[in-house]
Amino acid sequence: MPQFSKVILLPFFIILPLLAAAQEVQFSSSARLFMQRIERFKPLKPCSENEIRELNKEFVVVVSGKKVMAGAMLKVNEGIDMKRLKKLGVEINTNAGGVLTVRIPVNKLEKLKHVKGLVLVDVDLAVQTRQ
């Protein structure tokens, strides 16, 4: 390989991995809508029954112990920081390769954007039955 080619290819081997590592966590439209909705109810506590009932019209929200949790799906890569997820109080239900089904404390949802290896956050929508 000529010397000129090595010089051109070298930045690709250095810059591309850095760009991939700095990838920003994406929040789906349902996750962004959920974060907007919970702004109205801050602080949302387990005893906030009316607010939780209102949120459950659109999303899957439950009380677990002393925390209000939202059901969600996370798309992750192999570098996911599972310790950080657990430290944030995320309860993992299913781990199917690059997809996790979880429950997230609603007051920690915004902090997920700092978790290494997390690609996408998608908050569960409530299922509406036809009458």
Foldseek 3Di string as FASTA:
>chain_A
DDPVVCVVCVCVVVVVVVVVQPAWAAEDPQRVVLLVLCVVVPPDWPVPVVSQVVCLQWFDWDDDPGFIKFKKKWFFAPPWDVVVCVVQVWAWDDDDHRMTIIIGRSVCSVVVRPTGGTHYIYTGTHDDDDD
